Amino acid sequence: MAERKNVPSSAPSSSSSIGSSAGPANTASPASTGQRSEVGGAASPASGPLSTTSPSSASPAASGSGASGSLSAAARGRILLVEDEPDIVRGLTDVLEFEGFEVVAAPDGRTGVREMVEHGADLVILDLMLPDINGYQVCEQIRAKNQLVPIIILTARGQELDKIRGLEAGADDYVTKPFSVGELLARIKAILRRLQRVQPASQPDVLTIGSCEIDFKKHTLTKNRKTQTLTFYEVELLKLMSEREGQPVSRDEILDKIWGIEAYPSNRTVDNFVVKLRKKLEDNQHHPRHILTVYGFGYKLVP
């Protein structure tokens, strides 16, 4: 796959959609054409060496210019993109480089795991359907080496069971193809902002819920002498609910404060994370005593 070193002359449009069944992307950026971009159709899997792109020489955002709303220089980082569809790789690379990120693209799962182990990343964007090992396996292997790096899964599988399986493999978030570039950017920026957030002095490092002990700093949950790792969003969800102990917190507020995105009618992100947390925390996840559903509204935590 040829390396792309130049970003578009105009900012890629946040209304662009990537990963649909349409054909290859136009060479012009979505913003410069004024059209909605559809990328990532029937392209063949990428081949060739790992593609590494850096914002330092090409991206306007890297030098302090570019689209408004970009992360500050301190908040930008290195993103590992594990994806085998060339059109999606090109589209996402253009958008992310414009926002000031360094992008490293791996065309298969094993290359992605090796790149993560050898060089690391601040965030991983991971496709589930890869030519060698599947995305669930990649996620598990990365998690075995690094428990805290945020992992966002890209999936064409819209079934809730597939999404829950991805979360159980260690993913922090998922976006279903075709996806909105604006939504993906919002999620990336939100998770990186929250990673840099300083924990309030009033918030304890350890929280006790029933027979469980949650260590916010170590991202662990210990129950009956068995310790499990918590993902970034699991910890953030518990922090938010513990701050409002005994009070209902709406799904919309959770999405806004933790994911940094607005709710929309089919959004099940919060519900899936609650299911995952209940499996780890509750004695009986089907009859929870600590993370309670407030029907038609959200959830509340009862320690």
C-alpha atoms as a PDB file:
ATOM      1  CA  MET A   1       0.000   0.000   0.000  1.00  0.00           C
ATOM      2  CA  ALA A   2       1.444   3.336  -1.007  1.00  0.00           C
ATOM      3  CA  GLU A   3       2.275   5.689   1.826  1.00  0.00           C
ATOM      4  CA  ARG A   4       0.329   8.920   1.945  1.00  0.00           C
ATOM      5  CA  LYS A   5       2.424  11.778   3.240  1.00  0.00           C
ATOM      6  CA  ASN A   6       0.262  14.788   2.348  1.00  0.00           C
ATOM      7  CA  VAL A   7      -2.963  15.833   4.013  1.00  0.00           C
ATOM      8  CA  PRO A   8      -5.815  17.369   2.035  1.00  0.00           C
ATOM      9  CA  SER A   9      -5.648  21.076   1.233  1.00  0.00           C
ATOM     10  CA  SER A  10      -8.885  21.502   3.139  1.00  0.00           C
ATOM     11  CA  ALA A  11     -10.051  19.879   6.344  1.00  0.00           C
ATOM     12  CA  PRO A  12     -11.797  16.547   5.855  1.00  0.00           C
ATOM     13  CA  SER A  13     -15.477  17.007   6.528  1.00  0.00           C
ATOM     14  CA  SER A  14     -16.753  15.833   9.906  1.00  0.00           C
ATOM     15  CA  SER A  15     -19.964  14.764   8.171  1.00  0.00           C
ATOM     16  CA  SER A  16     -18.083  12.259   6.026  1.00  0.00           C
ATOM     17  CA  SER A  17     -19.018   8.615   6.288  1.00  0.00           C
ATOM     18  CA  ILE A  18     -16.340   5.939   6.152  1.00  0.00           C
ATOM     19  CA  GLY A  19     -16.756   2.220   5.707  1.00  0.00           C
ATOM     20  CA  SER A  20     -19.867   2.056   3.533  1.00  0.00           C
ATOM     21  CA  SER A  21     -20.393  -0.213   0.568  1.00  0.00           C
ATOM     22  CA  ALA A  22     -19.556   2.487  -1.950  1.00  0.00           C
ATOM     23  CA  GLY A  23     -16.452   2.416  -4.099  1.00  0.00           C
ATOM     24  CA  PRO A  24     -12.997   3.911  -3.477  1.00  0.00           C
ATOM     25  CA  ALA A  25     -12.719   7.454  -2.225  1.00  0.00           C
ATOM     26  CA  ASN A  26     -12.155  10.399  -4.534  1.00  0.00           C
ATOM     27  CA  THR A  27      -8.692  11.904  -4.428  1.00  0.00           C
ATOM     28  CA  ALA A  28     -10.105  15.253  -3.339  1.00  0.00           C
ATOM     29  CA  SER A  29     -11.038  15.714   0.281  1.00  0.00           C
ATOM     30  CA  PRO A  30     -14.733  15.735   1.239  1.00  0.00           C
ATOM     31  CA  ALA A  31     -14.521  19.374   2.283  1.00  0.00           C
ATOM     32  CA  SER A  32     -12.998  20.533  -0.977  1.00  0.00           C
ATOM     33  CA  THR A  33     -15.632  18.787  -3.097  1.00  0.00           C
ATOM     34  CA  GLY A  34     -18.538  19.711  -0.847  1.00  0.00           C
ATOM     35  CA  GLN A  35     -19.849  16.155  -1.148  1.00  0.00           C
ATOM     36  CA  ARG A  36     -20.410  13.451   1.393  1.00  0.00           C
ATOM     37  CA  SER A  37     -17.545  10.967   1.199  1.00  0.00           C
ATOM     38  CA  GLU A  38     -18.153   7.229   1.189  1.00  0.00           C
ATOM     39  CA  VAL A  39     -14.999   5.170   1.631  1.00  0.00           C
ATOM     40  CA  GLY A  40     -14.095   1.549   2.025  1.00  0.00           C
ATOM     41  CA  GLY A  41     -16.237  -0.587  -0.250  1.00  0.00           C
ATOM     42  CA  ALA A  42     -15.054  -3.658  -2.058  1.00  0.00           C
ATOM     43  CA  ALA A  43     -11.366  -2.896  -1.745  1.00  0.00           C
ATOM     44  CA  SER A  44      -9.000  -5.808  -1.440  1.00  0.00           C
ATOM     45  CA  PRO A  45      -6.980  -6.309   1.773  1.00  0.00           C
ATOM     46  CA  ALA A  46      -3.904  -4.132   2.123  1.00  0.00           C
ATOM     47  CA  SER A  47      -0.537  -5.675   1.510  1.00  0.00           C
ATOM     48  CA  GLY A  48       3.048  -4.628   1.937  1.00  0.00           C
ATOM     49  CA  PRO A  49       4.994  -3.109   4.811  1.00  0.00           C
ATOM     50  CA  LEU A  50       3.691  -1.193   7.755  1.00  0.00           C
ATOM     51  CA  SER A  51       2.686   2.350   6.804  1.00  0.00           C
ATOM     52  CA  THR A  52       3.857   5.084   9.151  1.00  0.00           C
ATOM     53  CA  THR A  53       2.785   8.706   8.796  1.00  0.00           C
ATOM     54  CA  SER A  54       3.799  11.633  10.933  1.00  0.00           C
ATOM     55  CA  PRO A  55       1.988  14.940  11.440  1.00  0.00           C
ATOM     56  CA  SER A  56       5.201  16.897  11.872  1.00  0.00           C
ATOM     57  CA  SER A  57       5.882  17.427   8.171  1.00  0.00           C
ATOM     58  CA  ALA A  58       2.412  17.524   6.676  1.00  0.00           C
ATOM     59  CA  SER A  59      -0.415  18.294   9.044  1.00  0.00           C
ATOM     60  CA  PRO A  60      -1.487  21.922   9.549  1.00  0.00           C
ATOM     61  CA  ALA A  61      -2.739  21.004  13.017  1.00  0.00           C
ATOM     62  CA  ALA A  62       0.715  19.855  14.060  1.00  0.00           C
ATOM     63  CA  SER A  63       2.068  23.369  13.658  1.00  0.00           C
ATOM     64  CA  GLY A  64      -0.821  24.936  15.530  1.00  0.00           C
ATOM     65  CA  SER A  65      -3.061  25.746  12.554  1.00  0.00           C
ATOM     66  CA  GLY A  66      -5.956  23.775  11.100  1.00  0.00           C
ATOM     67  CA  ALA A  67      -9.543  23.129  12.018  1.00  0.00           C
ATOM     68  CA  SER A  68     -10.944  24.665  15.139  1.00  0.00           C
ATOM     69  CA  GLY A  69     -11.728  22.257  17.921  1.00  0.00           C
ATOM     70  CA  SER A  70      -8.519  20.267  17.459  1.00  0.00           C
ATOM     71  CA  LEU A  71      -6.836  18.881  20.527  1.00  0.00           C
ATOM     72  CA  SER A  72      -4.023  20.952  22.003  1.00  0.00           C
ATOM     73  CA  ALA A  73      -0.512  19.862  21.066  1.00  0.00           C
ATOM     74  CA  ALA A  74      -0.048  18.222  24.465  1.00  0.00           C
ATOM     75  CA  ALA A  75      -3.142  16.092  23.954  1.00  0.00           C
ATOM     76  CA  ARG A  76      -2.271  14.763  20.484  1.00  0.00           C
ATOM     77  CA  GLY A  77      -0.652  11.372  20.275  1.00  0.00           C
ATOM     78  CA  ARG A  78       0.236   8.293  18.276  1.00  0.00           C
ATOM     79  CA  ILE A  79      -2.658   6.244  16.914  1.00  0.00           C
ATOM     80  CA  LEU A  80      -2.252   2.637  15.774  1.00  0.00           C
ATOM     81  CA  LEU A  81      -4.779   1.826  13.032  1.00  0.00           C
ATOM     82  CA  VAL A  82      -5.196  -1.921  12.501  1.00  0.00           C
ATOM     83  CA  GLU A  83      -7.269  -2.141   9.317  1.00  0.00           C
ATOM     84  CA  ASP A  84      -6.917  -4.114   6.060  1.00  0.00           C
ATOM     85  CA  GLU A  85      -9.133  -1.997   3.766  1.00  0.00           C
ATOM     86  CA  PRO A  86      -6.908   0.541   1.942  1.00  0.00           C
ATOM     87  CA  ASP A  87      -9.699   3.076   1.373  1.00  0.00           C
ATOM     88  CA  ILE A  88     -10.579   3.204   5.058  1.00  0.00           C
ATOM     89  CA  VAL A  89      -6.891   3.487   5.979  1.00  0.00           C
ATOM     90  CA  ARG A  90      -6.422   6.396   3.558  1.00  0.00           C
ATOM     91  CA  GLY A  91      -9.583   8.182   4.670  1.00  0.00           C
ATOM     92  CA  LEU A  92      -8.876   7.869   8.393  1.00  0.00           C
ATOM     93  CA  THR A  93      -5.197   8.721   7.970  1.00  0.00           C
ATOM     94  CA  ASP A  94      -6.079  11.974   6.188  1.00  0.00           C
ATOM     95  CA  VAL A  95      -8.577  12.968   8.873  1.00  0.00           C
ATOM     96  CA  LEU A  96      -6.399  12.035  11.849  1.00  0.00           C
ATOM     97  CA  GLU A  97      -3.265  13.631  10.412  1.00  0.00           C
ATOM     98  CA  PHE A  98      -5.181  16.841   9.821  1.00  0.00           C
ATOM     99  CA  GLU A  99      -6.133  16.789  13.501  1.00  0.00           C
ATOM    100  CA  GLY A 100      -2.447  16.534  14.403  1.00  0.00           C
ATOM    101  CA  PHE A 101      -2.104  12.849  15.260  1.00  0.00           C
ATOM    102  CA  GLU A 102       0.698  10.561  14.176  1.00  0.00           C
ATOM    103  CA  VAL A 103      -0.845   7.547  12.433  1.00  0.00           C
ATOM    104  CA  VAL A 104       0.694   4.095  12.113  1.00  0.00           C
ATOM    105  CA  ALA A 105      -1.286   1.670   9.927  1.00  0.00           C
ATOM    106  CA  ALA A 106      -1.004  -2.121  10.219  1.00  0.00           C
ATOM    107  CA  PRO A 107      -2.687  -4.224   7.471  1.00  0.00           C
ATOM    108  CA  ASP A 108      -3.247  -7.326   9.628  1.00  0.00           C
ATOM    109  CA  GLY A 109      -3.637  -8.407  13.220  1.00  0.00           C
ATOM    110  CA  ARG A 110      -0.198  -9.878  13.895  1.00  0.00           C
ATOM    111  CA  THR A 111       1.534  -6.787  12.498  1.00  0.00           C
ATOM    112  CA  GLY A 112      -0.656  -4.625  14.722  1.00  0.00           C
ATOM    113  CA  VAL A 113       0.184  -6.595  17.860  1.00  0.00           C
ATOM    114  CA  ARG A 114       3.900  -6.513  17.019  1.00  0.00           C
ATOM    115  CA  GLU A 115       3.828  -2.765  16.399  1.00  0.00           C
ATOM    116  CA  MET A 116       2.042  -2.193  19.707  1.00  0.00           C
ATOM    117  CA  VAL A 117       4.518  -4.338  21.656  1.00  0.00           C
ATOM    118  CA  GLU A 118       7.622  -2.872  20.013  1.00  0.00           C
ATOM    119  CA  HIS A 119       6.690   0.801  19.691  1.00  0.00           C
ATOM    120  CA  GLY A 120       3.464   1.389  21.622  1.00  0.00           C
ATOM    121  CA  ALA A 121       0.633   3.835  20.903  1.00  0.00           C
ATOM    122  CA  ASP A 122      -1.589   6.280  22.744  1.00  0.00           C
ATOM    123  CA  LEU A 123      -4.754   4.791  21.226  1.00  0.00           C
ATOM    124  CA  VAL A 124      -5.651   1.818  19.010  1.00  0.00           C
ATOM    125  CA  ILE A 125      -8.357   1.760  16.306  1.00  0.00           C
ATOM    126  CA  LEU A 126      -9.024  -1.893  15.521  1.00  0.00           C
ATOM    127  CA  ASP A 127     -11.044  -3.580  12.784  1.00  0.00           C
ATOM    128  CA  LEU A 128     -12.656  -6.905  13.725  1.00  0.00           C
ATOM    129  CA  MET A 129     -12.436  -8.598  10.327  1.00  0.00           C
ATOM    130  CA  LEU A 130      -8.735  -8.986   9.481  1.00  0.00           C
ATOM    131  CA  PRO A 131      -6.985 -11.330   7.017  1.00  0.00           C
ATOM    132  CA  ASP A 132      -5.051 -13.362   9.604  1.00  0.00           C
ATOM    133  CA  ILE A 133      -6.347 -13.340  13.190  1.00  0.00           C
ATOM    134  CA  ASN A 134      -9.608 -11.632  14.124  1.00  0.00           C
ATOM    135  CA  GLY A 135      -9.921  -8.369  16.000  1.00  0.00           C
ATOM    136  CA  TYR A 136     -11.033 -10.063  19.225  1.00  0.00           C
ATOM    137  CA  GLN A 137      -7.739 -11.974  19.344  1.00  0.00           C
ATOM    138  CA  VAL A 138      -5.758  -8.825  18.574  1.00  0.00           C
ATOM    139  CA  CYS A 139      -7.568  -6.999  21.366  1.00  0.00           C
ATOM    140  CA  GLU A 140      -6.856  -9.770  23.873  1.00  0.00           C
ATOM    141  CA  GLN A 141      -3.171  -9.922  22.908  1.00  0.00           C
ATOM    142  CA  ILE A 142      -2.750  -6.157  23.208  1.00  0.00           C
ATOM    143  CA  ARG A 143      -4.542  -6.175  26.559  1.00  0.00           C
ATOM    144  CA  ALA A 144      -2.198  -8.893  27.830  1.00  0.00           C
ATOM    145  CA  LYS A 145       0.716  -6.511  27.214  1.00  0.00           C
ATOM    146  CA  ASN A 146      -0.921  -3.153  27.966  1.00  0.00           C
ATOM    147  CA  GLN A 147      -3.948  -2.910  30.235  1.00  0.00           C
ATOM    148  CA  LEU A 148      -4.579   0.809  29.910  1.00  0.00           C
ATOM    149  CA  VAL A 149      -4.188   1.837  26.247  1.00  0.00           C
ATOM    150  CA  PRO A 150      -7.617   2.832  24.858  1.00  0.00           C
ATOM    151  CA  ILE A 151      -8.911   0.500  22.134  1.00  0.00           C
ATOM    152  CA  ILE A 152     -11.751   1.501  19.806  1.00  0.00           C
ATOM    153  CA  ILE A 153     -13.175  -1.275  17.654  1.00  0.00           C
ATOM    154  CA  LEU A 154     -14.477  -0.660  14.125  1.00  0.00           C
ATOM    155  CA  THR A 155     -17.009  -3.298  13.152  1.00  0.00           C
ATOM    156  CA  ALA A 156     -19.425  -3.998  10.343  1.00  0.00           C
ATOM    157  CA  ARG A 157     -21.220  -6.330  12.740  1.00  0.00           C
ATOM    158  CA  GLY A 158     -24.097  -4.466  14.307  1.00  0.00           C
ATOM    159  CA  GLN A 159     -25.335  -7.239  16.582  1.00  0.00           C
ATOM    160  CA  GLU A 160     -25.253  -6.486  20.303  1.00  0.00           C
ATOM    161  CA  LEU A 161     -23.579  -9.830  21.056  1.00  0.00           C
ATOM    162  CA  ASP A 162     -20.672  -8.940  18.750  1.00  0.00           C
ATOM    163  CA  LYS A 163     -20.261  -5.583  20.465  1.00  0.00           C
ATOM    164  CA  ILE A 164     -20.406  -7.128  23.929  1.00  0.00           C
ATOM    165  CA  ARG A 165     -17.847  -9.742  22.883  1.00  0.00           C
ATOM    166  CA  GLY A 166     -15.534  -6.926  21.781  1.00  0.00           C
ATOM    167  CA  LEU A 167     -15.926  -5.168  25.123  1.00  0.00           C
ATOM    168  CA  GLU A 168     -15.266  -8.413  26.968  1.00  0.00           C
ATOM    169  CA  ALA A 169     -12.084  -8.893  24.925  1.00  0.00           C
ATOM    170  CA  GLY A 170     -10.853  -5.614  26.398  1.00  0.00           C
ATOM    171  CA  ALA A 171     -12.073  -2.896  24.014  1.00  0.00           C
ATOM    172  CA  ASP A 172     -13.044   0.464  25.468  1.00  0.00           C
ATOM    173  CA  ASP A 173     -15.454   1.507  22.745  1.00  0.00           C
ATOM    174  CA  TYR A 174     -16.849   0.477  19.374  1.00  0.00           C
ATOM    175  CA  VAL A 175     -18.057   2.238  16.248  1.00  0.00           C
ATOM    176  CA  THR A 176     -20.205   0.459  13.657  1.00  0.00           C
ATOM    177  CA  LYS A 177     -19.400   0.761   9.930  1.00  0.00           C
ATOM    178  CA  PRO A 178     -20.313   2.857   8.040  1.00  0.00           C
ATOM    179  CA  PHE A 179     -19.473   5.445  10.662  1.00  0.00           C
ATOM    180  CA  SER A 180     -19.454   9.214  10.970  1.00  0.00           C
ATOM    181  CA  VAL A 181     -15.972  10.724  10.932  1.00  0.00           C
ATOM    182  CA  GLY A 182     -17.194  13.418  13.313  1.00  0.00           C
ATOM    183  CA  GLU A 183     -18.464  10.868  15.826  1.00  0.00           C
ATOM    184  CA  LEU A 184     -15.215   8.870  15.717  1.00  0.00           C
ATOM    185  CA  LEU A 185     -13.131  12.023  16.213  1.00  0.00           C
ATOM    186  CA  ALA A 186     -15.329  13.062  19.137  1.00  0.00           C
ATOM    187  CA  ARG A 187     -14.775   9.697  20.813  1.00  0.00           C
ATOM    188  CA  ILE A 188     -11.017   9.772  20.214  1.00  0.00           C
ATOM    189  CA  LYS A 189     -10.665  13.289  21.590  1.00  0.00           C
ATOM    190  CA  ALA A 190     -12.890  12.595  24.578  1.00  0.00           C
ATOM    191  CA  ILE A 191     -10.982   9.504  25.675  1.00  0.00           C
ATOM    192  CA  LEU A 192      -7.592  11.233  25.308  1.00  0.00           C
ATOM    193  CA  ARG A 193      -8.823  14.280  27.237  1.00  0.00           C
ATOM    194  CA  ARG A 194     -10.075  12.105  30.070  1.00  0.00           C
ATOM    195  CA  LEU A 195      -6.817  10.170  30.181  1.00  0.00           C
ATOM    196  CA  GLN A 196      -5.058  13.456  30.924  1.00  0.00           C
ATOM    197  CA  ARG A 197      -7.587  14.606  33.496  1.00  0.00           C
ATOM    198  CA  VAL A 198      -6.233  14.960  37.016  1.00  0.00           C
ATOM    199  CA  GLN A 199      -8.273  13.013  39.549  1.00  0.00           C
ATOM    200  CA  PRO A 200      -9.972  15.337  42.080  1.00  0.00           C
ATOM    201  CA  ALA A 201      -8.356  15.269  45.526  1.00  0.00           C
ATOM    202  CA  SER A 202     -11.753  14.519  47.064  1.00  0.00           C
ATOM    203  CA  GLN A 203     -12.133  11.312  45.056  1.00  0.00           C
ATOM    204  CA  PRO A 204     -10.730   8.214  46.792  1.00  0.00           C
ATOM    205  CA  ASP A 205      -8.292   5.934  45.008  1.00  0.00           C
ATOM    206  CA  VAL A 206     -10.197   2.876  46.211  1.00  0.00           C
ATOM    207  CA  LEU A 207     -13.975   2.344  46.140  1.00  0.00           C
ATOM    208  CA  THR A 208     -15.793  -0.474  47.935  1.00  0.00           C
ATOM    209  CA  ILE A 209     -19.008  -1.772  46.380  1.00  0.00           C
ATOM    210  CA  GLY A 210     -20.505  -4.747  48.189  1.00  0.00           C
ATOM    211  CA  SER A 211     -17.761  -7.372  48.391  1.00  0.00           C
ATOM    212  CA  CYS A 212     -15.738  -5.709  45.604  1.00  0.00           C
ATOM    213  CA  GLU A 213     -12.809  -3.349  45.932  1.00  0.00           C
ATOM    214  CA  ILE A 214     -12.146  -1.084  42.951  1.00  0.00           C
ATOM    215  CA  ASP A 215      -8.728   0.537  42.606  1.00  0.00           C
ATOM    216  CA  PHE A 216      -9.096   3.524  40.294  1.00  0.00           C
ATOM    217  CA  LYS A 217      -5.359   4.042  39.872  1.00  0.00           C
ATOM    218  CA  LYS A 218      -4.551   0.432  39.058  1.00  0.00           C
ATOM    219  CA  HIS A 219      -7.769  -0.108  37.031  1.00  0.00           C
ATOM    220  CA  THR A 220      -8.555  -3.289  38.949  1.00  0.00           C
ATOM    221  CA  LEU A 221     -11.581  -4.893  40.603  1.00  0.00           C
ATOM    222  CA  THR A 222     -10.955  -7.442  43.371  1.00  0.00           C
ATOM    223  CA  LYS A 223     -13.703  -9.813  44.466  1.00  0.00           C
ATOM    224  CA  ASN A 224     -13.304 -12.964  46.551  1.00  0.00           C
ATOM    225  CA  ARG A 225      -9.511 -12.612  46.280  1.00  0.00           C
ATOM    226  CA  LYS A 226      -9.719 -12.632  42.485  1.00  0.00           C
ATOM    227  CA  THR A 227      -8.508  -9.518  40.675  1.00  0.00           C
ATOM    228  CA  GLN A 228      -9.772  -8.470  37.258  1.00  0.00           C
ATOM    229  CA  THR A 229      -8.631  -5.618  35.026  1.00  0.00           C
ATOM    230  CA  LEU A 230     -11.055  -2.781  34.309  1.00  0.00           C
ATOM    231  CA  THR A 231     -10.959  -0.878  31.022  1.00  0.00           C
ATOM    232  CA  PHE A 232     -10.730   2.889  30.841  1.00  0.00           C
ATOM    233  CA  TYR A 233     -14.446   3.470  30.297  1.00  0.00           C
ATOM    234  CA  GLU A 234     -15.440   0.998  33.023  1.00  0.00           C
ATOM    235  CA  VAL A 235     -13.381   2.989  35.513  1.00  0.00           C
ATOM    236  CA  GLU A 236     -14.779   6.314  34.290  1.00  0.00           C
ATOM    237  CA  LEU A 237     -18.345   5.014  34.504  1.00  0.00           C
ATOM    238  CA  LEU A 238     -17.825   3.839  38.084  1.00  0.00           C
ATOM    239  CA  LYS A 239     -16.202   7.160  39.011  1.00  0.00           C
ATOM    240  CA  LEU A 240     -19.130   9.158  37.665  1.00  0.00           C
ATOM    241  CA  MET A 241     -21.765   7.007  39.373  1.00  0.00           C
ATOM    242  CA  SER A 242     -19.822   6.990  42.658  1.00  0.00           C
ATOM    243  CA  GLU A 243     -19.745  10.803  42.599  1.00  0.00           C
ATOM    244  CA  ARG A 244     -23.561  10.681  42.430  1.00  0.00           C
ATOM    245  CA  GLU A 245     -23.976   7.737  44.805  1.00  0.00           C
ATOM    246  CA  GLY A 246     -27.614   6.722  45.225  1.00  0.00           C
ATOM    247  CA  GLN A 247     -28.772   9.250  42.615  1.00  0.00           C
ATOM    248  CA  PRO A 248     -29.904   8.362  39.091  1.00  0.00           C
ATOM    249  CA  VAL A 249     -27.593   9.418  36.262  1.00  0.00           C
ATOM    250  CA  SER A 250     -29.102   9.654  32.786  1.00  0.00           C
ATOM    251  CA  ARG A 251     -27.680   7.869  29.743  1.00  0.00           C
ATOM    252  CA  ASP A 252     -27.395  11.239  27.981  1.00  0.00           C
ATOM    253  CA  GLU A 253     -25.276  12.675  30.795  1.00  0.00           C
ATOM    254  CA  ILE A 254     -23.044   9.595  30.872  1.00  0.00           C
ATOM    255  CA  LEU A 255     -22.472   9.797  27.122  1.00  0.00           C
ATOM    256  CA  ASP A 256     -21.727  13.513  27.301  1.00  0.00           C
ATOM    257  CA  LYS A 257     -19.397  13.436  30.302  1.00  0.00           C
ATOM    258  CA  ILE A 258     -17.546  10.194  29.582  1.00  0.00           C
ATOM    259  CA  TRP A 259     -17.702   9.642  25.826  1.00  0.00           C
ATOM    260  CA  GLY A 260     -18.010  13.292  24.873  1.00  0.00           C
ATOM    261  CA  ILE A 261     -20.779  12.558  22.364  1.00  0.00           C
ATOM    262  CA  GLU A 262     -24.483  13.269  22.179  1.00  0.00           C
ATOM    263  CA  ALA A 263     -26.968  10.463  22.596  1.00  0.00           C
ATOM    264  CA  TYR A 264     -29.030   9.231  19.683  1.00  0.00           C
ATOM    265  CA  PRO A 265     -32.032   6.855  19.756  1.00  0.00           C
ATOM    266  CA  SER A 266     -30.236   3.594  18.886  1.00  0.00           C
ATOM    267  CA  ASN A 267     -27.246   4.189  21.138  1.00  0.00           C
ATOM    268  CA  ARG A 268     -26.596   1.177  23.378  1.00  0.00           C
ATOM    269  CA  THR A 269     -23.050   2.067  24.374  1.00  0.00           C
ATOM    270  CA  VAL A 270     -23.833   2.779  28.031  1.00  0.00           C
ATOM    271  CA  ASP A 271     -26.110  -0.266  28.385  1.00  0.00           C
ATOM    272  CA  ASN A 272     -23.417  -2.607  27.054  1.00  0.00           C
ATOM    273  CA  PHE A 273     -20.826  -1.264  29.473  1.00  0.00           C
ATOM    274  CA  VAL A 274     -23.248  -1.673  32.360  1.00  0.00           C
ATOM    275  CA  VAL A 275     -23.824  -5.315  31.337  1.00  0.00           C
ATOM    276  CA  LYS A 276     -20.065  -5.847  31.316  1.00  0.00           C
ATOM    277  CA  LEU A 277     -19.590  -4.221  34.723  1.00  0.00           C
ATOM    278  CA  ARG A 278     -22.417  -6.205  36.279  1.00  0.00           C
ATOM    279  CA  LYS A 279     -20.768  -9.452  35.207  1.00  0.00           C
ATOM    280  CA  LYS A 280     -17.661  -8.470  37.136  1.00  0.00           C
ATOM    281  CA  LEU A 281     -19.245  -6.771  40.121  1.00  0.00           C
ATOM    282  CA  GLU A 282     -22.606  -8.338  40.943  1.00  0.00           C
ATOM    283  CA  ASP A 283     -23.168 -11.712  42.634  1.00  0.00           C
ATOM    284  CA  ASN A 284     -26.064 -12.200  40.217  1.00  0.00           C
ATOM    285  CA  GLN A 285     -25.906  -9.973  37.151  1.00  0.00           C
ATOM    286  CA  HIS A 286     -29.545 -10.725  36.283  1.00  0.00           C
ATOM    287  CA  HIS A 287     -30.696  -9.447  39.696  1.00  0.00           C
ATOM    288  CA  PRO A 288     -28.267  -6.606  40.401  1.00  0.00           C
ATOM    289  CA  ARG A 289     -28.019  -5.013  43.841  1.00  0.00           C
ATOM    290  CA  HIS A 290     -25.457  -2.280  43.166  1.00  0.00           C
ATOM    291  CA  ILE A 291     -25.795  -0.951  39.593  1.00  0.00           C
ATOM    292  CA  LEU A 292     -29.531  -0.443  39.289  1.00  0.00           C
ATOM    293  CA  THR A 293     -31.537   0.467  36.196  1.00  0.00           C
ATOM    294  CA  VAL A 294     -33.750   3.540  36.387  1.00  0.00           C
ATOM    295  CA  TYR A 295     -36.140   2.618  33.582  1.00  0.00           C
ATOM    296  CA  GLY A 296     -36.474   5.153  30.802  1.00  0.00           C
ATOM    297  CA  PHE A 297     -33.703   7.278  32.293  1.00  0.00           C
ATOM    298  CA  GLY A 298     -30.369   5.688  33.199  1.00  0.00           C
ATOM    299  CA  TYR A 299     -28.613   4.045  36.152  1.00  0.00           C
ATOM    300  CA  LYS A 300     -27.683   4.598  39.772  1.00  0.00           C
ATOM    301  CA  LEU A 301     -25.008   3.110  42.032  1.00  0.00           C
ATOM    302  CA  VAL A 302     -25.886   1.661  45.421  1.00  0.00           C
ATOM    303  CA  PRO A 303     -22.686   0.541  47.229  1.00  0.00           C
END
